[in-house]
PDB file of N, CA and C in Angstrom:
ATOM      1  N   MET A   1       1.960  27.659  -7.381  1.00  0.00           N
ATOM      2  CA  MET A   1       2.683  27.941  -8.607  1.00  0.00           C
ATOM      3  C   MET A   1       2.485  26.842  -9.640  1.00  0.00           C
ATOM      4  N   HIS A   2       1.545  25.948  -9.402  1.00  0.00           N
ATOM      5  CA  HIS A   2       1.287  24.903 -10.383  1.00  0.00           C
ATOM      6  C   HIS A   2       0.664  25.465 -11.652  1.00  0.00           C
ATOM      7  N   GLU A   3       0.250  26.747 -11.632  1.00  0.00           N
ATOM      8  CA  GLU A   3      -0.288  27.374 -12.832  1.00  0.00           C
ATOM      9  C   GLU A   3       0.746  27.431 -13.950  1.00  0.00           C
ATOM     10  N   LEU A   4       2.016  27.620 -13.603  1.00  0.00           N
ATOM     11  CA  LEU A   4       3.053  27.697 -14.637  1.00  0.00           C
ATOM     12  C   LEU A   4       3.132  26.393 -15.408  1.00  0.00           C
ATOM     13  N   GLY A   5       3.182  25.273 -14.733  1.00  0.00           N
ATOM     14  CA  GLY A   5       3.243  23.977 -15.412  1.00  0.00           C
ATOM     15  C   GLY A   5       2.002  23.706 -16.237  1.00  0.00           C
ATOM     16  N   ALA A   6       0.843  24.027 -15.676  1.00  0.00           N
ATOM     17  CA  ALA A   6      -0.414  23.824 -16.401  1.00  0.00           C
ATOM     18  C   ALA A   6      -0.479  24.724 -17.628  1.00  0.00           C
ATOM     19  N   THR A   7      -0.008  25.957 -17.485  1.00  0.00           N
ATOM     20  CA  THR A   7      -0.033  26.894 -18.613  1.00  0.00           C
ATOM     21  C   THR A   7       0.961  26.489 -19.684  1.00  0.00           C
ATOM     22  N   LYS A   8       2.115  25.977 -19.293  1.00  0.00           N
ATOM     23  CA  LYS A   8       3.106  25.498 -20.277  1.00  0.00           C
ATOM     24  C   LYS A   8       2.522  24.339 -21.078  1.00  0.00           C
ATOM     25  N   ALA A   9       1.847  23.416 -20.417  1.00  0.00           N
ATOM     26  CA  ALA A   9       1.213  22.287 -21.125  1.00  0.00           C
ATOM     27  C   ALA A   9       0.123  22.807 -22.063  1.00  0.00           C
ATOM     28  N   LEU A  10      -0.656  23.771 -21.600  1.00  0.00           N
ATOM     29  CA  LEU A  10      -1.689  24.385 -22.426  1.00  0.00           C
ATOM     30  C   LEU A  10      -1.065  25.048 -23.647  1.00  0.00           C
ATOM     31  N   PHE A  11      -0.027  25.829 -23.425  1.00  0.00           N
ATOM     32  CA  PHE A  11       0.655  26.524 -24.517  1.00  0.00           C
ATOM     33  C   PHE A  11       1.184  25.536 -25.554  1.00  0.00           C
ATOM     34  N   ASP A  12       1.824  24.473 -25.099  1.00  0.00           N
ATOM     35  CA  ASP A  12       2.363  23.466 -26.021  1.00  0.00           C
ATOM     36  C   ASP A  12       1.250  22.829 -26.854  1.00  0.00           C
ATOM     37  N   THR A  13       0.122  22.546 -26.233  1.00  0.00           N
ATOM     38  CA  THR A  13      -1.020  21.957 -26.937  1.00  0.00           C
ATOM     39  C   THR A  13      -1.571  22.932 -27.978  1.00  0.00           C
ATOM     40  N   VAL A  14      -1.704  24.192 -27.591  1.00  0.00           N
ATOM     41  CA  VAL A  14      -2.199  25.219 -28.508  1.00  0.00           C
ATOM     42  C   VAL A  14      -1.270  25.369 -29.708  1.00  0.00           C
ATOM     43  N   MET A  15       0.015  25.417 -29.465  1.00  0.00           N
ATOM     44  CA  MET A  15       0.972  25.589 -30.560  1.00  0.00           C
ATOM     45  C   MET A  15       0.986  24.382 -31.488  1.00  0.00           C
ATOM     46  N   GLN A  16       0.848  23.189 -30.936  1.00  0.00           N
ATOM     47  CA  GLN A  16       0.794  21.987 -31.771  1.00  0.00           C
ATOM     48  C   GLN A  16      -0.460  21.988 -32.639  1.00  0.00           C
ATOM     49  N   ALA A  17      -1.600  22.351 -32.058  1.00  0.00           N
ATOM     50  CA  ALA A  17      -2.851  22.419 -32.824  1.00  0.00           C
ATOM     51  C   ALA A  17      -2.755  23.482 -33.920  1.00  0.00           C
ATOM     52  N   ALA A  18      -2.141  24.616 -33.605  1.00  0.00           N
ATOM     53  CA  ALA A  18      -1.975  25.681 -34.598  1.00  0.00           C
ATOM     54  C   ALA A  18      -1.119  25.189 -35.765  1.00  0.00           C
ATOM     55  N   LYS A  19      -0.072  24.472 -35.458  1.00  0.00           N
ATOM     56  CA  LYS A  19       0.800  23.924 -36.501  1.00  0.00           C
ATOM     57  C   LYS A  19       0.033  22.930 -37.372  1.00  0.00           C
ATOM     58  N   GLU A  20      -0.734  22.065 -36.749  1.00  0.00           N
ATOM     59  CA  GLU A  20      -1.504  21.059 -37.487  1.00  0.00           C
ATOM     60  C   GLU A  20      -2.566  21.684 -38.390  1.00  0.00           C
ATOM     61  N   HIS A  21      -3.043  22.873 -38.024  1.00  0.00           N
ATOM     62  CA  HIS A  21      -4.076  23.545 -38.808  1.00  0.00           C
ATOM     63  C   HIS A  21      -3.514  24.681 -39.667  1.00  0.00           C
ATOM     64  N   ASN A  22      -2.200  24.697 -39.818  1.00  0.00           N
ATOM     65  CA  ASN A  22      -1.529  25.665 -40.693  1.00  0.00           C
ATOM     66  C   ASN A  22      -1.893  27.109 -40.326  1.00  0.00           C
ATOM     67  N   ALA A  23      -1.892  27.414 -39.050  1.00  0.00           N
ATOM     68  CA  ALA A  23      -2.280  28.741 -38.578  1.00  0.00           C
ATOM     69  C   ALA A  23      -1.166  29.747 -38.810  1.00  0.00           C
ATOM     70  N   LYS A  24      -1.572  30.965 -39.126  1.00  0.00           N
ATOM     71  CA  LYS A  24      -0.603  32.062 -39.174  1.00  0.00           C
ATOM     72  C   LYS A  24      -0.754  32.960 -37.951  1.00  0.00           C
ATOM     73  N   LYS A  25      -1.900  32.831 -37.249  1.00  0.00           N
ATOM     74  CA  LYS A  25      -2.143  33.622 -36.058  1.00  0.00           C
ATOM     75  C   LYS A  25      -3.222  32.941 -35.219  1.00  0.00           C
ATOM     76  N   ILE A  26      -3.048  32.988 -33.901  1.00  0.00           N
ATOM     77  CA  ILE A  26      -4.062  32.494 -32.969  1.00  0.00           C
ATOM     78  C   ILE A  26      -4.725  33.717 -32.355  1.00  0.00           C
ATOM     79  N   ASN A  27      -6.038  33.815 -32.515  1.00  0.00           N
ATOM     80  CA  ASN A  27      -6.764  34.991 -32.037  1.00  0.00           C
ATOM     81  C   ASN A  27      -7.372  34.800 -30.652  1.00  0.00           C
ATOM     82  N   ASP A  28      -8.084  33.707 -30.458  1.00  0.00           N
ATOM     83  CA  ASP A  28      -8.822  33.479 -29.219  1.00  0.00           C
ATOM     84  C   ASP A  28      -8.703  32.026 -28.794  1.00  0.00           C
ATOM     85  N   ILE A  29      -8.617  31.809 -27.490  1.00  0.00           N
ATOM     86  CA  ILE A  29      -8.569  30.464 -26.920  1.00  0.00           C
ATOM     87  C   ILE A  29      -9.607  30.417 -25.804  1.00  0.00           C
ATOM     88  N   TYR A  30     -10.519  29.464 -25.904  1.00  0.00           N
ATOM     89  CA  TYR A  30     -11.584  29.306 -24.916  1.00  0.00           C
ATOM     90  C   TYR A  30     -11.246  28.113 -24.035  1.00  0.00           C
ATOM     91  N   LEU A  31     -11.093  28.374 -22.747  1.00  0.00           N
ATOM     92  CA  LEU A  31     -10.693  27.358 -21.782  1.00  0.00           C
ATOM     93  C   LEU A  31     -11.815  27.099 -20.792  1.00  0.00           C
ATOM     94  N   VAL A  32     -12.027  25.844 -20.477  1.00  0.00           N
ATOM     95  CA  VAL A  32     -12.952  25.476 -19.406  1.00  0.00           C
ATOM     96  C   VAL A  32     -12.109  25.304 -18.154  1.00  0.00           C
ATOM     97  N   LEU A  33     -12.488  26.012 -17.103  1.00  0.00           N
ATOM     98  CA  LEU A  33     -11.722  25.998 -15.860  1.00  0.00           C
ATOM     99  C   LEU A  33     -12.665  25.834 -14.676  1.00  0.00           C
ATOM    100  N   GLY A  34     -12.570  24.677 -14.036  1.00  0.00           N
ATOM    101  CA  GLY A  34     -13.395  24.408 -12.865  1.00  0.00           C
ATOM    102  C   GLY A  34     -12.783  24.994 -11.609  1.00  0.00           C
ATOM    103  N   LYS A  35     -13.629  25.376 -10.672  1.00  0.00           N
ATOM    104  CA  LYS A  35     -13.157  25.998  -9.432  1.00  0.00           C
ATOM    105  C   LYS A  35     -12.359  25.038  -8.552  1.00  0.00           C
ATOM    106  N   GLY A  36     -12.578  23.752  -8.700  1.00  0.00           N
ATOM    107  CA  GLY A  36     -11.892  22.778  -7.862  1.00  0.00           C
ATOM    108  C   GLY A  36     -10.464  22.483  -8.278  1.00  0.00           C
ATOM    109  N   THR A  37     -10.010  23.058  -9.387  1.00  0.00           N
ATOM    110  CA  THR A  37      -8.645  22.801  -9.852  1.00  0.00           C
ATOM    111  C   THR A  37      -7.600  23.534  -9.020  1.00  0.00           C
ATOM    112  N   GLY A  38      -8.011  24.616  -8.392  1.00  0.00           N
ATOM    113  CA  GLY A  38      -7.055  25.443  -7.666  1.00  0.00           C
ATOM    114  C   GLY A  38      -6.239  26.327  -8.590  1.00  0.00           C
ATOM    115  N   ILE A  39      -6.564  26.319  -9.865  1.00  0.00           N
ATOM    116  CA  ILE A  39      -5.844  27.118 -10.851  1.00  0.00           C
ATOM    117  C   ILE A  39      -6.525  28.481 -10.969  1.00  0.00           C
ATOM    118  N   GLU A  40      -5.731  29.525 -10.881  1.00  0.00           N
ATOM    119  CA  GLU A  40      -6.235  30.891 -10.969  1.00  0.00           C
ATOM    120  C   GLU A  40      -6.151  31.392 -12.410  1.00  0.00           C
ATOM    121  N   ALA A  41      -7.280  31.841 -12.935  1.00  0.00           N
ATOM    122  CA  ALA A  41      -7.339  32.319 -14.316  1.00  0.00           C
ATOM    123  C   ALA A  41      -6.345  33.459 -14.557  1.00  0.00           C
ATOM    124  N   ASP A  42      -6.213  34.372 -13.613  1.00  0.00           N
ATOM    125  CA  ASP A  42      -5.283  35.493 -13.777  1.00  0.00           C
ATOM    126  C   ASP A  42      -3.846  35.019 -13.935  1.00  0.00           C
ATOM    127  N   CYS A  43      -3.482  33.989 -13.196  1.00  0.00           N
ATOM    128  CA  CYS A  43      -2.120  33.437 -13.302  1.00  0.00           C
ATOM    129  C   CYS A  43      -1.909  32.772 -14.656  1.00  0.00           C
ATOM    130  N   VAL A  44      -2.892  32.011 -15.104  1.00  0.00           N
ATOM    131  CA  VAL A  44      -2.798  31.360 -16.418  1.00  0.00           C
ATOM    132  C   VAL A  44      -2.645  32.430 -17.494  1.00  0.00           C
ATOM    133  N   ASP A  45      -3.442  33.469 -17.420  1.00  0.00           N
ATOM    134  CA  ASP A  45      -3.378  34.559 -18.398  1.00  0.00           C
ATOM    135  C   ASP A  45      -1.990  35.202 -18.393  1.00  0.00           C
ATOM    136  N   TYR A  46      -1.453  35.450 -17.233  1.00  0.00           N
ATOM    137  CA  TYR A  46      -0.132  36.065 -17.095  1.00  0.00           C
ATOM    138  C   TYR A  46       0.958  35.172 -17.697  1.00  0.00           C
ATOM    139  N   TYR A  47       0.992  33.911 -17.284  1.00  0.00           N
ATOM    140  CA  TYR A  47       2.020  33.000 -17.795  1.00  0.00           C
ATOM    141  C   TYR A  47       1.871  32.758 -19.288  1.00  0.00           C
ATOM    142  N   PHE A  48       0.629  32.677 -19.755  1.00  0.00           N
ATOM    143  CA  PHE A  48       0.416  32.459 -21.196  1.00  0.00           C
ATOM    144  C   PHE A  48       0.968  33.639 -21.992  1.00  0.00           C
ATOM    145  N   THR A  49       0.743  34.845 -21.499  1.00  0.00           N
ATOM    146  CA  THR A  49       1.265  36.038 -22.172  1.00  0.00           C
ATOM    147  C   THR A  49       2.787  35.979 -22.280  1.00  0.00           C
ATOM    148  N   LEU A  50       3.446  35.557 -21.218  1.00  0.00           N
ATOM    149  CA  LEU A  50       4.910  35.430 -21.248  1.00  0.00           C
ATOM    150  C   LEU A  50       5.371  34.363 -22.236  1.00  0.00           C
ATOM    151  N   LEU A  51       4.718  33.204 -22.208  1.00  0.00           N
ATOM    152  CA  LEU A  51       5.100  32.105 -23.097  1.00  0.00           C
ATOM    153  C   LEU A  51       4.824  32.426 -24.569  1.00  0.00           C
ATOM    154  N   ALA A  52       3.774  33.195 -24.818  1.00  0.00           N
ATOM    155  CA  ALA A  52       3.333  33.455 -26.191  1.00  0.00           C
ATOM    156  C   ALA A  52       4.101  34.574 -26.892  1.00  0.00           C
ATOM    157  N   GLU A  53       4.912  35.290 -26.142  1.00  0.00           N
ATOM    158  CA  GLU A  53       5.634  36.414 -26.725  1.00  0.00           C
ATOM    159  C   GLU A  53       6.425  35.989 -27.955  1.00  0.00           C
ATOM    160  N   ASP A  54       6.252  36.732 -29.044  1.00  0.00           N
ATOM    161  CA  ASP A  54       6.941  36.493 -30.319  1.00  0.00           C
ATOM    162  C   ASP A  54       6.591  35.142 -30.953  1.00  0.00           C
ATOM    163  N   THR A  55       5.374  34.660 -30.719  1.00  0.00           N
ATOM    164  CA  THR A  55       4.891  33.425 -31.351  1.00  0.00           C
ATOM    165  C   THR A  55       3.568  33.719 -32.056  1.00  0.00           C
ATOM    166  N   LEU A  56       2.988  32.710 -32.675  1.00  0.00           N
ATOM    167  CA  LEU A  56       1.669  32.847 -33.324  1.00  0.00           C
ATOM    168  C   LEU A  56       0.587  33.241 -32.334  1.00  0.00           C
ATOM    169  N   ALA A  57       0.823  32.974 -31.073  1.00  0.00           N
ATOM    170  CA  ALA A  57      -0.175  33.248 -30.026  1.00  0.00           C
ATOM    171  C   ALA A  57       0.083  34.562 -29.301  1.00  0.00           C
ATOM    172  N   ASP A  58       0.968  35.382 -29.836  1.00  0.00           N
ATOM    173  CA  ASP A  58       1.381  36.610 -29.159  1.00  0.00           C
ATOM    174  C   ASP A  58       0.210  37.510 -28.777  1.00  0.00           C
ATOM    175  N   ALA A  59      -0.783  37.619 -29.622  1.00  0.00           N
ATOM    176  CA  ALA A  59      -1.922  38.507 -29.355  1.00  0.00           C
ATOM    177  C   ALA A  59      -3.193  37.732 -28.977  1.00  0.00           C
ATOM    178  N   ALA A  60      -3.053  36.455 -28.701  1.00  0.00           N
ATOM    179  CA  ALA A  60      -4.229  35.631 -28.385  1.00  0.00           C
ATOM    180  C   ALA A  60      -4.885  36.076 -27.091  1.00  0.00           C
ATOM    181  N   LYS A  61      -6.191  36.042 -27.093  1.00  0.00           N
ATOM    182  CA  LYS A  61      -6.981  36.385 -25.903  1.00  0.00           C
ATOM    183  C   LYS A  61      -7.513  35.095 -25.308  1.00  0.00           C
ATOM    184  N   LEU A  62      -7.297  34.921 -24.012  1.00  0.00           N
ATOM    185  CA  LEU A  62      -7.838  33.754 -23.312  1.00  0.00           C
ATOM    186  C   LEU A  62      -9.219  34.092 -22.763  1.00  0.00           C
ATOM    187  N   HIS A  63     -10.152  33.159 -22.948  1.00  0.00           N
ATOM    188  CA  HIS A  63     -11.512  33.299 -22.428  1.00  0.00           C
ATOM    189  C   HIS A  63     -11.758  32.106 -21.513  1.00  0.00           C
ATOM    190  N   PHE A  64     -12.187  32.366 -20.301  1.00  0.00           N
ATOM    191  CA  PHE A  64     -12.401  31.302 -19.331  1.00  0.00           C
ATOM    192  C   PHE A  64     -13.891  31.018 -19.172  1.00  0.00           C
ATOM    193  N   LEU A  65     -14.241  29.751 -19.335  1.00  0.00           N
ATOM    194  CA  LEU A  65     -15.617  29.291 -19.220  1.00  0.00           C
ATOM    195  C   LEU A  65     -15.736  28.416 -17.977  1.00  0.00           C
ATOM    196  N   PRO A  66     -16.880  28.460 -17.297  1.00  0.00           N
ATOM    197  CA  PRO A  66     -17.050  27.609 -16.114  1.00  0.00           C
ATOM    198  C   PRO A  66     -17.184  26.137 -16.508  1.00  0.00           C
ATOM    199  N   GLY A  67     -16.791  25.266 -15.603  1.00  0.00           N
ATOM    200  CA  GLY A  67     -16.897  23.834 -15.852  1.00  0.00           C
ATOM    201  C   GLY A  67     -17.062  23.072 -14.553  1.00  0.00           C
ATOM    202  N   GLU A  68     -17.000  21.776 -14.670  1.00  0.00           N
ATOM    203  CA  GLU A  68     -17.048  20.913 -13.491  1.00  0.00           C
ATOM    204  C   GLU A  68     -15.826  21.220 -12.620  1.00  0.00           C
ATOM    205  N   PRO A  69     -15.879  20.900 -11.326  1.00  0.00           N
ATOM    206  CA  PRO A  69     -14.796  21.279 -10.414  1.00  0.00           C
ATOM    207  C   PRO A  69     -13.385  20.915 -10.871  1.00  0.00           C
ATOM    208  N   ALA A  70     -13.187  19.761 -11.485  1.00  0.00           N
ATOM    209  CA  ALA A  70     -11.832  19.328 -11.851  1.00  0.00           C
ATOM    210  C   ALA A  70     -11.453  19.654 -13.294  1.00  0.00           C
ATOM    211  N   ASP A  71     -12.298  20.374 -14.026  1.00  0.00           N
ATOM    212  CA  ASP A  71     -12.053  20.639 -15.447  1.00  0.00           C
ATOM    213  C   ASP A  71     -10.985  21.703 -15.677  1.00  0.00           C
ATOM    214  N   PHE A  72     -10.095  21.422 -16.596  1.00  0.00           N
ATOM    215  CA  PHE A  72      -9.170  22.409 -17.144  1.00  0.00           C
ATOM    216  C   PHE A  72      -8.775  21.897 -18.516  1.00  0.00           C
ATOM    217  N   TYR A  73      -9.425  22.445 -19.547  1.00  0.00           N
ATOM    218  CA  TYR A  73      -9.136  21.994 -20.905  1.00  0.00           C
ATOM    219  C   TYR A  73      -9.498  23.072 -21.919  1.00  0.00           C
ATOM    220  N   ILE A  74      -8.996  22.876 -23.132  1.00  0.00           N
ATOM    221  CA  ILE A  74      -9.287  23.785 -24.233  1.00  0.00           C
ATOM    222  C   ILE A  74     -10.626  23.380 -24.833  1.00  0.00           C
ATOM    223  N   ASP A  75     -11.559  24.312 -24.857  1.00  0.00           N
ATOM    224  CA  ASP A  75     -12.853  24.074 -25.485  1.00  0.00           C
ATOM    225  C   ASP A  75     -12.744  24.279 -26.991  1.00  0.00           C
ATOM    226  N   ARG A  76     -12.119  25.389 -27.385  1.00  0.00           N
ATOM    227  CA  ARG A  76     -11.917  25.678 -28.799  1.00  0.00           C
ATOM    228  C   ARG A  76     -10.946  26.847 -28.932  1.00  0.00           C
ATOM    229  N   MET A  77     -10.466  27.038 -30.144  1.00  0.00           N
ATOM    230  CA  MET A  77      -9.639  28.208 -30.421  1.00  0.00           C
ATOM    231  C   MET A  77      -9.968  28.735 -31.803  1.00  0.00           C
ATOM    232  N   GLU A  78      -9.741  30.022 -31.972  1.00  0.00           N
ATOM    233  CA  GLU A  78      -9.983  30.674 -33.244  1.00  0.00           C
ATOM    234  C   GLU A  78      -8.645  31.121 -33.803  1.00  0.00           C
ATOM    235  N   ILE A  79      -8.399  30.731 -35.047  1.00  0.00           N
ATOM    236  CA  ILE A  79      -7.119  31.026 -35.696  1.00  0.00           C
ATOM    237  C   ILE A  79      -7.352  31.676 -37.047  1.00  0.00           C
ATOM    238  N   GLU A  80      -6.289  32.247 -37.577  1.00  0.00           N
ATOM    239  CA  GLU A  80      -6.249  32.673 -38.972  1.00  0.00           C
ATOM    240  C   GLU A  80      -5.324  31.690 -39.671  1.00  0.00           C
ATOM    241  N   GLU A  81      -5.801  31.104 -40.759  1.00  0.00           N
ATOM    242  CA  GLU A  81      -5.023  30.099 -41.469  1.00  0.00           C
ATOM    243  C   GLU A  81      -4.184  30.734 -42.581  1.00  0.00           C
ATOM    244  N   ASN A  82      -3.050  30.106 -42.860  1.00  0.00           N
ATOM    245  CA  ASN A  82      -2.252  30.483 -44.024  1.00  0.00           C
ATOM    246  C   ASN A  82      -3.016  30.047 -45.262  1.00  0.00           C
ATOM    247  N   GLU A  83      -2.853  30.808 -46.302  1.00  0.00           N
ATOM    248  CA  GLU A  83      -3.563  30.444 -47.550  1.00  0.00           C
ATOM    249  C   GLU A  83      -2.660  29.704 -48.486  1.00  0.00           C
TER     250      GLU A  83
END
């Protein structure tokens, strides 16, 4: 169940970055996830959906990219900015 804590930290980082970039919507988040982390992509996706409800990330799609065994980080995200 360590996915919940990891996903909460991920969510907080995403929301802070969105705020810093004046985002009105987060569309896509690309994550590097190594097999050695023990973190399951399906669990991260599930918890992220729950955390993102009624936020800028409500409709965000998570994309998982392969990485080194211990990797778990945000590679990039795509947002819509406020004008």
